[in-house]
Amino acid sequence: MLRLIITLSLLLGLQGGKFEPFTFVQLSDPQIGFMDRSAGFGYTDSLFRAAVDATNALNPELVIMTGDLVNDPNDAVQDSIYRVRLAELQMPVYTIPGNHDYMGFTREKQADFIAKRGADRFSFKQHDCAFIGMDTNSIKDGVEDAEAEQWAWLEKELAAAQGSRYIFVFVHCPVIRESMDEREDNSNFNMDQRKRYIDLFKKYKVDIVFAGHTHQEYDATVDGIRFFTAGPVGNAIGHGYPGYAVVKVDENGVDITYTATPGVKPRRMGPPFGNRPPRGDRPPGQRPPFGPRP
């Protein structure tokens, strides 16, 4: 009789078990020192501090930092500011590098980033959701042996993630911003790369790919995969503004809200990237020029 009661209790518990909703925050491109001539990089420090305070007030389960932590990886002041603000976050933080964290991929710079930040990629599960973060520097800089090594690791992690409720991938440089056939530039993958990686993501049923780098937000869907690009924690470009992405995950789906950092007066610099026209009129068919290079 006791065994029957225990068995029924276990069965009822399993049947009644529901997915536990949770929230995480994506922070991208604090890039301490980027377009910042203030003393001691005080302006970009203030933007990062405000985003940290807002994130702590939200109290998410975790934070994903999608690269460009500093503008110059060899600047000790920028590094010190980043470390101080990072330590103020009151939840686990998982980080991947951006192009400004290397300034050109080499194995030595990769090793230096790992020594400073702990890792250049990550893979873990939270509430039956897979979180996989990768380094896009070897891809963008054409370092084939490093890319091939990461590809093997990525495919292994994606295979292990099968059966997860959601599979999230995090990159710094977007695979695409707005469409599969957008022109190639420093803020997306080239055509061959985007085809290869999107085919891989389709094969392993990736739900959302989160990116940064552009200092302005984009949101697109290709072949059933959502490609979300967050604006910056730091200085913005074009249509962007300093902020952070709040990601709420529940049994009904994933809601992403890009939120302006409270109390911040944005300094927008330059026109947007890609096919989105800048504010105001321009002659038909004329592509907008690029702003400052992120």
Protein backbone atom coordinates (compact mmCIF):
# COMPACT_ATOMS: atom_id res chain seq x y z
CA MET A 1 0.00 0.00 0.00
CA LEU A 2 2.83 2.40 0.89
CA ARG A 3 4.60 1.53 -2.38
CA LEU A 4 1.36 2.29 -4.30
CA ILE A 5 1.00 5.68 -2.63
CA ILE A 6 4.62 6.61 -3.41
CA THR A 7 4.27 5.49 -7.04
CA LEU A 8 1.05 7.48 -7.52
CA SER A 9 2.66 10.55 -5.95
CA LEU A 10 5.62 10.32 -8.33
CA LEU A 11 3.36 9.90 -11.35
CA LEU A 12 1.19 12.83 -10.37
CA GLY A 13 4.30 14.95 -9.79
CA LEU A 14 5.62 14.14 -13.24
CA GLN A 15 2.27 14.81 -14.91
CA GLY A 16 1.83 18.06 -13.06
CA GLY A 17 5.37 19.25 -13.66
CA LYS A 18 5.45 22.49 -15.67
CA PHE A 19 8.24 24.39 -17.34
CA GLU A 20 9.57 26.96 -14.91
CA PRO A 21 9.65 30.40 -16.55
CA PHE A 22 12.84 32.39 -16.24
CA THR A 23 14.46 35.58 -17.50
CA PHE A 24 17.95 36.36 -18.72
CA VAL A 25 19.54 39.53 -20.04
CA GLN A 26 21.81 40.02 -23.03
CA LEU A 27 24.34 42.81 -22.66
CA SER A 28 26.52 43.63 -25.66
CA ASP A 29 29.27 46.05 -26.58
CA PRO A 30 29.94 48.03 -23.42
CA GLN A 31 33.14 48.78 -25.37
CA ILE A 32 34.70 51.02 -22.76
CA GLY A 33 36.47 53.85 -24.61
CA PHE A 34 34.59 53.62 -27.93
CA MET A 35 34.01 57.15 -29.29
CA ASP A 36 34.73 58.42 -25.77
CA ARG A 37 37.05 61.38 -25.24
CA SER A 38 35.94 62.01 -21.67
CA ALA A 39 38.51 61.90 -18.90
CA GLY A 40 39.19 58.34 -17.82
CA PHE A 41 36.55 57.08 -20.29
CA GLY A 42 33.94 58.33 -17.84
CA TYR A 43 31.12 58.50 -20.36
CA THR A 44 31.20 54.88 -21.52
CA ASP A 45 31.80 53.88 -17.91
CA SER A 46 28.59 55.70 -16.95
CA LEU A 47 26.64 53.89 -19.68
CA PHE A 48 27.89 50.50 -18.47
CA ARG A 49 27.19 51.38 -14.84
CA ALA A 50 23.63 52.39 -15.69
CA ALA A 51 23.04 49.14 -17.58
CA VAL A 52 24.46 47.12 -14.69
CA ASP A 53 22.18 48.91 -12.21
CA ALA A 54 19.14 48.30 -14.43
CA THR A 55 20.06 44.64 -14.85
CA ASN A 56 20.49 44.13 -11.13
CA ALA A 57 17.08 45.74 -10.54
CA LEU A 58 15.53 43.21 -12.94
CA ASN A 59 17.28 40.34 -11.13
CA PRO A 60 17.48 37.89 -14.07
CA GLU A 61 18.84 34.40 -13.55
CA LEU A 62 21.88 35.09 -15.70
CA VAL A 63 23.52 37.52 -18.11
CA ILE A 64 25.06 36.79 -21.49
CA MET A 65 27.71 39.30 -22.59
CA THR A 66 28.14 39.17 -26.37
CA GLY A 67 31.53 40.79 -26.83
CA ASP A 68 33.41 44.04 -27.36
CA LEU A 69 34.00 44.45 -23.67
CA VAL A 70 36.57 47.21 -24.25
CA ASN A 71 37.61 49.29 -27.24
CA ASP A 72 41.34 48.57 -26.89
CA PRO A 73 42.33 45.22 -25.34
CA ASN A 74 45.74 46.64 -24.39
CA ASP A 75 44.40 49.64 -22.46
CA ALA A 76 44.72 48.97 -18.73
CA VAL A 77 42.23 51.70 -17.76
CA GLN A 78 39.52 50.32 -20.02
CA ASP A 79 40.16 46.82 -18.70
CA SER A 80 39.98 48.03 -15.10
CA ILE A 81 36.66 49.81 -15.67
CA TYR A 82 35.19 46.74 -17.32
CA ARG A 83 36.28 44.48 -14.45
CA VAL A 84 34.83 46.80 -11.81
CA ARG A 85 31.42 47.03 -13.49
CA LEU A 86 31.34 43.32 -14.30
CA ALA A 87 31.90 42.51 -10.62
CA GLU A 88 28.84 44.61 -9.72
CA LEU A 89 26.48 42.28 -11.60
CA GLN A 90 24.70 40.13 -9.02
CA MET A 91 24.11 37.03 -11.14
CA PRO A 92 26.20 34.62 -13.23
CA VAL A 93 27.68 36.17 -16.38
CA TYR A 94 28.77 34.23 -19.47
CA THR A 95 31.00 36.03 -21.94
CA ILE A 96 32.23 35.69 -25.52
CA PRO A 97 34.79 37.94 -27.23
CA GLY A 98 34.17 40.62 -29.83
CA ASN A 99 36.51 41.89 -32.49
CA HIS A 100 37.76 44.72 -30.25
CA ASP A 101 38.72 42.18 -27.60
CA TYR A 102 41.31 40.76 -30.06
CA MET A 103 41.87 43.40 -32.77
CA GLY A 104 42.71 40.63 -35.22
CA PHE A 105 42.50 36.94 -34.33
CA THR A 106 45.68 35.08 -33.40
CA ARG A 107 46.15 32.10 -31.14
CA GLU A 108 48.15 34.30 -28.77
CA LYS A 109 45.32 36.84 -28.49
CA GLN A 110 42.82 34.04 -28.00
CA ALA A 111 44.93 32.64 -25.15
CA ASP A 112 45.25 36.12 -23.63
CA PHE A 113 41.47 36.61 -23.72
CA ILE A 114 40.91 33.24 -22.05
CA ALA A 115 43.48 34.12 -19.38
CA LYS A 116 41.76 37.46 -18.70
CA ARG A 117 38.10 36.47 -19.03
CA GLY A 118 38.05 32.75 -18.22
CA ALA A 119 36.83 31.34 -21.56
CA ASP A 120 36.14 32.32 -25.17
CA ARG A 121 33.04 30.12 -25.53
CA PHE A 122 30.48 28.37 -23.34
CA SER A 123 27.85 25.67 -23.36
CA PHE A 124 25.41 24.87 -20.58
CA LYS A 125 21.75 24.10 -19.90
CA GLN A 126 19.32 26.13 -17.82
CA HIS A 127 15.73 25.05 -17.29
CA ASP A 128 16.08 22.53 -20.11
CA CYS A 129 17.24 25.27 -22.49
CA ALA A 130 20.63 25.04 -24.20
CA PHE A 131 22.92 28.09 -24.16
CA ILE A 132 25.87 27.93 -26.55
CA GLY A 133 28.25 30.85 -27.03
CA MET A 134 30.94 30.92 -29.71
CA ASP A 135 33.77 33.18 -30.89
CA THR A 136 33.20 34.74 -34.33
CA ASN A 137 36.69 36.26 -34.62
CA SER A 138 38.32 33.27 -36.28
CA ILE A 139 35.40 33.13 -38.75
CA LYS A 140 35.51 36.80 -39.70
CA ASP A 141 39.32 36.90 -39.84
CA GLY A 142 39.59 33.74 -41.92
CA VAL A 143 41.75 31.71 -39.54
CA GLU A 144 40.78 28.32 -40.89
CA ASP A 145 42.38 25.98 -38.34
CA ALA A 146 40.83 27.86 -35.40
CA GLU A 147 37.46 28.00 -37.12
CA ALA A 148 37.57 24.28 -37.92
CA GLU A 149 38.39 23.47 -34.29
CA GLN A 150 35.49 25.58 -33.05
CA TRP A 151 33.15 24.14 -35.70
CA ALA A 152 33.82 20.62 -34.40
CA TRP A 153 33.18 21.79 -30.84
CA LEU A 154 30.03 23.66 -31.90
CA GLU A 155 28.55 20.69 -33.75
CA LYS A 156 29.26 18.44 -30.76
CA GLU A 157 27.50 20.86 -28.40
CA LEU A 158 24.54 21.31 -30.73
CA ALA A 159 24.17 17.54 -31.03
CA ALA A 160 24.22 17.21 -27.24
CA ALA A 161 21.53 19.91 -26.99
CA GLN A 162 18.98 17.97 -29.01
CA GLY A 163 15.75 17.49 -27.09
CA SER A 164 16.11 20.79 -25.24
CA ARG A 165 13.03 22.96 -25.05
CA TYR A 166 14.91 25.81 -26.74
CA ILE A 167 18.39 26.07 -28.23
CA PHE A 168 20.02 29.49 -28.07
CA VAL A 169 23.29 30.38 -29.81
CA PHE A 170 25.25 33.54 -28.98
CA VAL A 171 27.74 35.27 -31.28
CA HIS A 172 29.35 38.68 -31.47
CA CYS A 173 29.22 39.44 -35.20
CA PRO A 174 25.78 38.70 -36.65
CA VAL A 175 25.46 35.89 -39.15
CA ILE A 176 22.90 38.14 -40.87
CA ARG A 177 21.24 41.36 -39.76
CA GLU A 178 18.09 41.66 -41.84
CA SER A 179 18.08 39.14 -44.68
CA MET A 180 19.94 36.20 -46.17
CA ASP A 181 20.89 38.17 -49.30
CA GLU A 182 22.03 41.41 -47.65
CA ARG A 183 25.35 42.74 -48.84
CA GLU A 184 28.51 41.48 -47.17
CA ASP A 185 30.43 43.81 -44.85
CA ASN A 186 32.28 43.82 -41.55
CA SER A 187 29.01 43.40 -39.65
CA ASN A 188 27.80 40.06 -41.01
CA PHE A 189 29.15 36.76 -42.36
CA ASN A 190 30.06 36.42 -46.01
CA MET A 191 27.63 34.47 -48.18
CA ASP A 192 29.44 31.14 -47.97
CA GLN A 193 29.81 31.43 -44.20
CA ARG A 194 26.20 32.37 -43.58
CA LYS A 195 24.97 29.45 -45.70
CA ARG A 196 27.21 26.98 -43.85
CA TYR A 197 26.27 28.17 -40.39
CA ILE A 198 22.57 28.56 -41.09
CA ASP A 199 22.52 25.02 -42.54
CA LEU A 200 24.20 23.80 -39.36
CA PHE A 201 21.72 25.67 -37.16
CA LYS A 202 18.81 24.27 -39.16
CA LYS A 203 20.18 20.74 -38.87
CA TYR A 204 20.33 21.00 -35.08
CA LYS A 205 17.07 22.95 -34.64
CA VAL A 206 18.49 26.18 -33.21
CA ASP A 207 15.69 28.52 -32.17
CA ILE A 208 17.40 31.90 -31.77
CA VAL A 209 20.84 33.29 -32.60
CA PHE A 210 21.70 36.34 -30.47
CA ALA A 211 24.36 38.80 -31.68
CA GLY A 212 25.79 42.26 -31.00
CA HIS A 213 28.58 44.21 -32.74
CA THR A 214 26.46 46.59 -34.82
CA HIS A 215 25.68 49.08 -32.01
CA GLN A 216 22.07 49.11 -33.22
CA GLU A 217 19.33 46.53 -32.99
CA TYR A 218 18.04 44.23 -35.74
CA ASP A 219 15.57 41.34 -35.75
CA ALA A 220 15.07 38.89 -38.62
CA THR A 221 13.94 35.32 -39.27
CA VAL A 222 15.54 33.03 -41.86
CA ASP A 223 14.42 29.43 -42.41
CA GLY A 224 12.56 29.42 -39.10
CA ILE A 225 15.56 30.65 -37.09
CA ARG A 226 15.31 34.02 -35.39
CA PHE A 227 18.39 36.25 -35.64
CA PHE A 228 18.29 38.93 -32.97
CA THR A 229 20.97 41.60 -32.83
CA ALA A 230 21.08 43.71 -29.68
CA GLY A 231 22.06 47.35 -29.57
CA PRO A 232 24.98 48.43 -27.38
CA VAL A 233 25.42 48.98 -23.69
CA GLY A 234 27.91 51.66 -24.77
CA ASN A 235 27.81 54.29 -27.49
CA ALA A 236 25.30 53.73 -30.30
CA ILE A 237 25.44 54.12 -34.07
CA GLY A 238 22.72 55.03 -36.55
CA HIS A 239 19.25 54.08 -35.32
CA GLY A 240 20.66 52.43 -32.18
CA TYR A 241 20.52 53.53 -28.57
CA PRO A 242 22.22 52.28 -25.38
CA GLY A 243 20.26 49.43 -23.83
CA TYR A 244 19.96 45.75 -23.10
CA ALA A 245 17.81 42.83 -24.20
CA VAL A 246 15.43 41.29 -21.66
CA VAL A 247 14.62 37.71 -22.64
CA LYS A 248 11.64 36.03 -20.95
CA VAL A 249 11.30 32.30 -21.49
CA ASP A 250 8.14 30.35 -20.59
CA GLU A 251 6.08 27.41 -21.79
CA ASN A 252 4.48 29.59 -24.47
CA GLY A 253 7.66 30.83 -26.12
CA VAL A 254 10.47 33.36 -25.91
CA ASP A 255 9.85 37.10 -25.63
CA ILE A 256 12.74 39.47 -26.38
CA THR A 257 12.45 43.15 -25.51
CA TYR A 258 15.26 45.54 -26.30
CA THR A 259 15.08 48.19 -23.57
CA ALA A 260 16.68 51.63 -23.45
CA THR A 261 18.92 52.07 -20.45
CA PRO A 262 17.06 54.32 -17.98
CA GLY A 263 18.44 57.79 -17.42
CA VAL A 264 20.85 57.68 -20.37
CA LYS A 265 21.06 60.38 -23.04
CA PRO A 266 22.22 58.55 -26.17
CA ARG A 267 24.85 59.91 -28.52
CA ARG A 268 23.95 58.43 -31.90
CA MET A 269 26.88 58.57 -34.26
CA GLY A 270 26.72 57.93 -37.97
CA PRO A 271 24.10 56.26 -40.18
CA PRO A 272 22.93 52.67 -39.80
CA PHE A 273 24.44 49.63 -41.47
CA GLY A 274 22.94 47.57 -44.24
CA ASN A 275 19.72 48.22 -46.07
CA ARG A 276 17.80 50.14 -43.42
CA PRO A 277 17.66 53.82 -44.54
CA PRO A 278 18.69 56.56 -42.14
CA ARG A 279 16.07 58.94 -40.84
CA GLY A 280 15.04 61.50 -43.45
CA ASP A 281 14.67 61.24 -47.19
CA ARG A 282 17.32 60.06 -49.61
CA PRO A 283 17.25 59.42 -53.38
CA PRO A 284 15.65 56.08 -54.37
CA GLY A 285 18.12 53.23 -54.68
CA GLN A 286 20.92 55.04 -52.86
CA ARG A 287 22.45 52.93 -50.13
CA PRO A 288 23.26 54.66 -46.86
CA PRO A 289 26.97 55.12 -46.14
CA PHE A 290 28.55 53.48 -43.14
CA GLY A 291 29.06 55.22 -39.86
CA PRO A 292 31.98 54.66 -37.48
CA ARG A 293 33.31 51.12 -37.67
CA PRO A 294 32.22 49.16 -34.57
